């Protein structure tokens, strides 16, 4: 698997194979994820927000409906196309920009940046992940806020020890999921085999899992200051057992 696996993962044929199982899930998650980010960052109507790695735009649309100015960024051409279609259906105005999060062009333009749905750490190279943090610092106004969800390294270790899971979904999907973790690099790898009536498809996913101290160090290196951490979108405390490592804070 290449270091930028996501360039092939979020292609049209893969997303269409997953179909409603993915889209319906994102619809239900938007009020939870974007709603929590809005609450803990104190995002107000009229503020300008960057939704980094916005996917098909469900979180962006949720925020826009609250009167927030939103710019959504994603590398996937298919996801941006679907995000624009969703925006048109919902009757809101959002700038969706197709491109690499490491190359976003704005400077000191946003009141807040959000990276939701476990979007940070997609590169196996820490330097590449650091580039994203540098961009977040660059696009934020003075004292601008950030919300970043990463994978908790301790959770990744537990999943790897378990080895695999099997899921049956009510709409007929069936999934087998296999886990691996490299303790030297901190890379968590997942192989998902999704079964549908018309066939099956294998998906491979890799992500750098972080400890709080690692993420605290990296954000500090680029002029960002963590002010809080959560283990989930219900405001759970961050613990060893948390699947997610959600950090919030501001530009120094």
Foldseek 3Di string as FASTA:
>chain_A
DDQQQVLPQPAPVNDVVCPPVVVVVLLVCQCLWLVLVCVVQVDAAAFEEEEEQCFLQNNVLVVQVRNYAYEYEHQYPVSLVNNVVVCVVSVGDYHYDHDDLLDDDAFQAGLEYEHDDQRQFQGLDVVSSLSNLLSRLGRHHAFRKYKYKHFALLQLVVQQVVFWDWDADPVAKIKIKGWHADPVSQKIKIWIWIAHPVGIDIGIGIGRHDHPVVVQVSNVVNQWHWDAWALDSVRHRDDSNRRMTMTMTTGD
